[in-house]
C-alpha atoms as a PDB file:
ATOM      1  CA  UNK A   1      79.113  90.325 106.382  1.00  0.00           C
ATOM      2  CA  UNK A   2      80.602  88.920 103.180  1.00  0.00           C
ATOM      3  CA  UNK A   3      83.248  90.997 101.449  1.00  0.00           C
ATOM      4  CA  UNK A   4      81.750  90.390  97.962  1.00  0.00           C
ATOM      5  CA  UNK A   5      85.019  90.557  96.052  1.00  0.00           C
ATOM      6  CA  UNK A   6      84.674  91.978  92.538  1.00  0.00           C
ATOM      7  CA  UNK A   7      86.551  89.339  90.521  1.00  0.00           C
ATOM      8  CA  UNK A   8      87.636  85.741  90.065  1.00  0.00           C
ATOM      9  CA  UNK A   9      91.037  85.311  91.667  1.00  0.00           C
ATOM     10  CA  UNK A  10      92.014  82.844  88.934  1.00  0.00           C
ATOM     11  CA  UNK A  11      91.030  84.459  85.613  1.00  0.00           C
ATOM     12  CA  UNK A  12      90.199  87.986  86.914  1.00  0.00           C
ATOM     13  CA  UNK A  13      86.693  87.853  85.419  1.00  0.00           C
ATOM     14  CA  UNK A  14      84.433  90.589  86.789  1.00  0.00           C
ATOM     15  CA  UNK A  15      81.906  89.315  89.337  1.00  0.00           C
ATOM     16  CA  UNK A  16      79.575  92.167  90.287  1.00  0.00           C
ATOM     17  CA  UNK A  17      77.486  91.842  93.465  1.00  0.00           C
ATOM     18  CA  UNK A  18      74.481  90.691  91.430  1.00  0.00           C
ATOM     19  CA  UNK A  19      76.380  87.911  89.620  1.00  0.00           C
ATOM     20  CA  UNK A  20      75.010  84.386  89.872  1.00  0.00           C
ATOM     21  CA  UNK A  21      78.391  83.167  88.543  1.00  0.00           C
ATOM     22  CA  UNK A  22      80.404  83.913  91.729  1.00  0.00           C
ATOM     23  CA  UNK A  23      81.589  81.024  93.917  1.00  0.00           C
ATOM     24  CA  UNK A  24      83.134  81.368  97.391  1.00  0.00           C
ATOM     25  CA  UNK A  25      84.609  79.218 100.157  1.00  0.00           C
ATOM     26  CA  UNK A  26      84.289  79.800 103.900  1.00  0.00           C
ATOM     27  CA  UNK A  27      87.320  82.136 103.777  1.00  0.00           C
ATOM     28  CA  UNK A  28      85.618  84.171 101.012  1.00  0.00           C
ATOM     29  CA  UNK A  29      88.094  83.183  98.308  1.00  0.00           C
ATOM     30  CA  UNK A  30      86.161  84.105  95.180  1.00  0.00           C
ATOM     31  CA  UNK A  31      86.096  82.393  91.784  1.00  0.00           C
ATOM     32  CA  UNK A  32      83.844  82.417  88.734  1.00  0.00           C
ATOM     33  CA  UNK A  33      81.653  79.363  88.191  1.00  0.00           C
ATOM     34  CA  UNK A  34      83.766  78.247  85.226  1.00  0.00           C
ATOM     35  CA  UNK A  35      87.056  78.201  87.168  1.00  0.00           C
ATOM     36  CA  UNK A  36      85.409  76.740  90.276  1.00  0.00           C
ATOM     37  CA  UNK A  37      83.866  73.873  88.329  1.00  0.00           C
ATOM     38  CA  UNK A  38      86.354  73.145  85.542  1.00  0.00           C
ATOM     39  CA  UNK A  39      89.709  74.068  87.097  1.00  0.00           C
ATOM     40  CA  UNK A  40      89.145  73.310  90.784  1.00  0.00           C
ATOM     41  CA  UNK A  41      86.286  70.777  90.601  1.00  0.00           C
ATOM     42  CA  UNK A  42      84.339  72.532  93.363  1.00  0.00           C
ATOM     43  CA  UNK A  43      87.193  72.703  95.911  1.00  0.00           C
ATOM     44  CA  UNK A  44      88.987  75.903  96.907  1.00  0.00           C
ATOM     45  CA  UNK A  45      92.659  75.700  95.842  1.00  0.00           C
ATOM     46  CA  UNK A  46      93.639  77.790  98.885  1.00  0.00           C
ATOM     47  CA  UNK A  47      91.967  75.917 101.753  1.00  0.00           C
ATOM     48  CA  UNK A  48      90.412  72.807 100.189  1.00  0.00           C
ATOM     49  CA  UNK A  49      86.899  73.819 101.263  1.00  0.00           C
ATOM     50  CA  UNK A  50      83.793  73.674  99.106  1.00  0.00           C
ATOM     51  CA  UNK A  51      83.190  76.410  96.538  1.00  0.00           C
ATOM     52  CA  UNK A  52      79.509  77.319  96.653  1.00  0.00           C
ATOM     53  CA  UNK A  53      77.304  79.951  95.037  1.00  0.00           C
ATOM     54  CA  UNK A  54      77.903  83.360  96.586  1.00  0.00           C
ATOM     55  CA  UNK A  55      74.709  84.925  97.930  1.00  0.00           C
ATOM     56  CA  UNK A  56      73.480  88.028  96.126  1.00  0.00           C
ATOM     57  CA  UNK A  57      73.211  91.072  98.380  1.00  0.00           C
ATOM     58  CA  UNK A  58      69.914  92.882  97.762  1.00  0.00           C
ATOM     59  CA  UNK A  59      70.496  95.997  95.696  1.00  0.00           C
ATOM     60  CA  UNK A  60      68.842  98.242  98.285  1.00  0.00           C
ATOM     61  CA  UNK A  61      71.480  97.132 100.851  1.00  0.00           C
ATOM     62  CA  UNK A  62      74.515  97.827  98.638  1.00  0.00           C
ATOM     63  CA  UNK A  63      74.507 101.563  99.372  1.00  0.00           C
ATOM     64  CA  UNK A  64      74.899 101.036 103.119  1.00  0.00           C
ATOM     65  CA  UNK A  65      76.901  97.794 102.804  1.00  0.00           C
ATOM     66  CA  UNK A  66      78.889  98.121  99.548  1.00  0.00           C
ATOM     67  CA  UNK A  67      80.765  95.328  97.842  1.00  0.00           C
ATOM     68  CA  UNK A  68      84.550  95.320  97.993  1.00  0.00           C
ATOM     69  CA  UNK A  69      86.563  97.075  95.291  1.00  0.00           C
ATOM     70  CA  UNK A  70      89.763  95.179  96.164  1.00  0.00           C
ATOM     71  CA  UNK A  71      90.694  92.806  93.354  1.00  0.00           C
ATOM     72  CA  UNK A  72      92.483  89.614  94.391  1.00  0.00           C
ATOM     73  CA  UNK A  73      94.363  87.546  91.807  1.00  0.00           C
ATOM     74  CA  UNK A  74      96.590  84.661  92.862  1.00  0.00           C
ATOM     75  CA  UNK A  75      99.016  82.546  90.891  1.00  0.00           C
ATOM     76  CA  UNK A  76      97.362  79.133  91.074  1.00  0.00           C
ATOM     77  CA  UNK A  77      98.986  76.537  88.839  1.00  0.00           C
ATOM     78  CA  UNK A  78      95.580  75.697  87.330  1.00  0.00           C
ATOM     79  CA  UNK A  79      95.216  79.345  86.286  1.00  0.00           C
ATOM     80  CA  UNK A  80      98.518  79.662  84.440  1.00  0.00           C
ATOM     81  CA  UNK A  81      98.037  81.431  81.171  1.00  0.00           C
ATOM     82  CA  UNK A  82      94.318  82.151  81.620  1.00  0.00           C
ATOM     83  CA  UNK A  83      94.662  85.930  81.741  1.00  0.00           C
ATOM     84  CA  UNK A  84      91.137  86.255  80.393  1.00  0.00           C
ATOM     85  CA  UNK A  85      90.376  89.846  79.440  1.00  0.00           C
ATOM     86  CA  UNK A  86      87.684  91.503  81.476  1.00  0.00           C
ATOM     87  CA  UNK A  87      84.586  92.664  79.617  1.00  0.00           C
END
């Protein structure tokens, strides 16, 4: 089961389970669509794998299988100085 991380590990943008803006690789590294497309050009900076749209877990399954609350932010050179405030 996917971890469904709650944020972009580059800019720390919130990515709730229902977000169509979340992108993941096969190791579940998670980025927003903007960072995935414009900073990393569709390739995960950690493993080099493809960044693809993260599936949306049906809302009725979230109670039994909740999304992760653990925020991951890494210091990628392409992310330097982004520090985008979360809404």
